[in-house]
């Protein structure tokens, strides 16, 4: 099974946030969308809306834990590492993506196709796909 197979079953909308938005706005967006991660885009230093990282619930907690209430007013850019965006392609296998997530200790990956952001895959998506596949393969229990 490939990443693209999962994306076809998910909503097409990808939740994003700009680097210069605050932690509070990111938290509100995650809560209102019932998600735990946002793709961070840089619209200042590049020609387009380029994905540069992920901002997650863990980042919100880190901001508050390190800076108290003032952490909510800090910029998302202060908590996102933009050295190298870890992403995957729609043609990557779920096994490969799961390995990358485990190796990098992350739970969400942006999916990039031809330099465009087309979705986000989570560890939960992968786990659900493996569970569904195992259930579909399991033979029906016969009545005795």
Protein backbone atom coordinates (compact mmCIF):
# COMPACT_ATOMS: atom_id res chain seq x y z
CA UNK A 1 0.00 0.00 0.00
CA UNK A 2 1.23 3.49 -0.84
CA UNK A 3 0.80 6.94 0.71
CA UNK A 4 -1.39 8.02 -2.22
CA UNK A 5 -3.86 5.23 -1.36
CA UNK A 6 -4.34 6.79 2.09
CA UNK A 7 -4.64 10.36 0.76
CA UNK A 8 -7.46 9.36 -1.59
CA UNK A 9 -9.53 8.41 1.48
CA UNK A 10 -8.80 11.62 3.40
CA UNK A 11 -10.21 15.13 3.05
CA UNK A 12 -8.44 17.12 0.36
CA UNK A 13 -7.88 20.19 2.56
CA UNK A 14 -4.44 20.52 4.14
CA UNK A 15 -4.25 22.75 7.21
CA UNK A 16 -1.34 25.18 6.99
CA UNK A 17 0.00 28.12 8.93
CA UNK A 18 2.47 30.85 8.06
CA UNK A 19 5.74 31.10 9.93
CA UNK A 20 4.93 34.57 11.30
CA UNK A 21 1.66 33.52 12.99
CA UNK A 22 1.55 33.04 16.75
CA UNK A 23 1.49 29.83 18.73
CA UNK A 24 -1.98 30.83 19.99
CA UNK A 25 -3.36 31.09 16.44
CA UNK A 26 -1.79 27.73 15.56
CA UNK A 27 -3.37 26.13 18.65
CA UNK A 28 -6.78 27.61 17.81
CA UNK A 29 -6.55 26.35 14.23
CA UNK A 30 -5.60 22.86 15.37
CA UNK A 31 -8.48 22.82 17.87
CA UNK A 32 -11.10 24.13 15.43
CA UNK A 33 -9.98 21.66 12.75
CA UNK A 34 -9.65 18.79 15.26
CA UNK A 35 -6.10 18.02 14.12
CA UNK A 36 -2.77 17.76 15.89
CA UNK A 37 -0.36 19.18 13.31
CA UNK A 38 -0.10 22.00 10.79
CA UNK A 39 2.16 22.34 7.77
CA UNK A 40 4.22 25.52 8.15
CA UNK A 41 4.60 27.59 5.01
CA UNK A 42 7.07 30.33 4.24
CA UNK A 43 5.50 33.05 2.10
CA UNK A 44 8.18 35.66 2.66
CA UNK A 45 11.53 34.35 1.50
CA UNK A 46 10.44 32.16 -1.41
CA UNK A 47 8.42 32.67 -4.54
CA UNK A 48 5.43 30.66 -3.44
CA UNK A 49 3.82 29.00 -0.49
CA UNK A 50 6.62 26.59 0.27
CA UNK A 51 6.25 24.01 3.04
CA UNK A 52 9.18 24.37 5.43
CA UNK A 53 8.16 22.28 8.45
CA UNK A 54 5.49 20.98 10.76
CA UNK A 55 4.03 22.61 13.87
CA UNK A 56 2.39 20.16 16.27
CA UNK A 57 0.63 19.95 19.61
CA UNK A 58 4.02 19.09 21.08
CA UNK A 59 5.34 22.44 19.88
CA UNK A 60 2.46 24.24 21.62
CA UNK A 61 3.27 22.42 24.86
CA UNK A 62 6.98 23.20 24.48
CA UNK A 63 6.23 26.92 23.93
CA UNK A 64 4.11 27.14 27.08
CA UNK A 65 6.42 24.93 29.18
CA UNK A 66 9.50 26.97 28.26
CA UNK A 67 7.99 30.47 28.20
CA UNK A 68 4.82 30.33 30.27
CA UNK A 69 1.78 32.27 29.08
CA UNK A 70 3.97 34.50 26.90
CA UNK A 71 4.76 31.43 24.77
CA UNK A 72 1.31 31.76 23.20
CA UNK A 73 2.34 35.12 21.69
CA UNK A 74 5.59 33.82 20.20
CA UNK A 75 5.90 33.13 16.48
CA UNK A 76 5.55 29.64 15.05
CA UNK A 77 8.92 30.18 13.35
CA UNK A 78 10.63 30.14 16.75
CA UNK A 79 9.63 26.49 17.26
CA UNK A 80 10.00 25.04 13.78
CA UNK A 81 13.28 23.70 12.49
CA UNK A 82 13.61 24.66 8.84
CA UNK A 83 17.00 23.09 8.17
CA UNK A 84 15.53 20.16 6.28
CA UNK A 85 11.88 19.37 5.74
CA UNK A 86 11.23 15.67 6.13
CA UNK A 87 8.50 14.67 3.70
CA UNK A 88 7.31 11.78 1.60
CA UNK A 89 5.85 11.19 -1.84
CA UNK A 90 2.48 9.66 -2.75
CA UNK A 91 4.32 6.70 -4.28
CA UNK A 92 6.21 5.85 -1.05
CA UNK A 93 5.13 2.66 0.67
CA UNK A 94 3.53 2.82 4.10
CA UNK A 95 6.31 0.59 5.41
CA UNK A 96 8.94 3.10 4.26
CA UNK A 97 7.07 6.10 5.70
CA UNK A 98 6.52 4.31 9.02
CA UNK A 99 10.26 3.58 9.18
CA UNK A 100 11.11 7.26 8.50
CA UNK A 101 8.65 8.44 11.17
CA UNK A 102 10.08 6.02 13.74
CA UNK A 103 13.68 6.92 12.87
CA UNK A 104 12.99 10.67 13.08
CA UNK A 105 10.63 10.45 16.10
CA UNK A 106 7.80 12.24 14.30
CA UNK A 107 4.10 11.49 13.85
CA UNK A 108 3.19 13.56 10.76
CA UNK A 109 4.74 13.92 7.31
CA UNK A 110 3.80 16.35 4.57
CA UNK A 111 3.25 14.62 1.23
CA UNK A 112 4.95 16.41 -1.66
CA UNK A 113 4.31 15.65 -5.32
CA UNK A 114 6.10 17.62 -8.05
CA UNK A 115 7.17 20.26 -5.47
CA UNK A 116 3.55 20.77 -4.37
CA UNK A 117 2.02 19.98 -1.00
CA UNK A 118 -0.81 17.51 -1.60
CA UNK A 119 -1.50 16.20 1.90
CA UNK A 120 -0.28 15.07 5.29
CA UNK A 121 0.00 11.49 6.47
CA UNK A 122 0.05 10.62 10.15
CA UNK A 123 1.19 7.61 12.13
CA UNK A 124 -2.51 7.09 12.96
CA UNK A 125 -3.34 6.94 9.22
CA UNK A 126 -0.68 4.27 8.74
CA UNK A 127 -1.77 2.29 11.79
CA UNK A 128 -5.41 2.38 10.66
CA UNK A 129 -4.44 1.23 7.15
CA UNK A 130 -2.47 -1.72 8.56
CA UNK A 131 -5.37 -2.60 10.90
CA UNK A 132 -7.88 -2.43 8.02
CA UNK A 133 -5.64 -4.58 5.85
CA UNK A 134 -5.21 -7.17 8.62
CA UNK A 135 -8.99 -7.27 9.21
CA UNK A 136 -9.71 -7.68 5.49
CA UNK A 137 -7.24 -10.57 5.17
CA UNK A 138 -8.43 -12.41 8.29
CA UNK A 139 -10.76 -15.29 7.39
CA UNK A 140 -14.27 -15.11 8.79
CA UNK A 141 -14.72 -17.20 11.91
CA UNK A 142 -16.90 -20.20 11.24
CA UNK A 143 -19.75 -21.08 13.54
CA UNK A 144 -19.22 -24.37 15.35
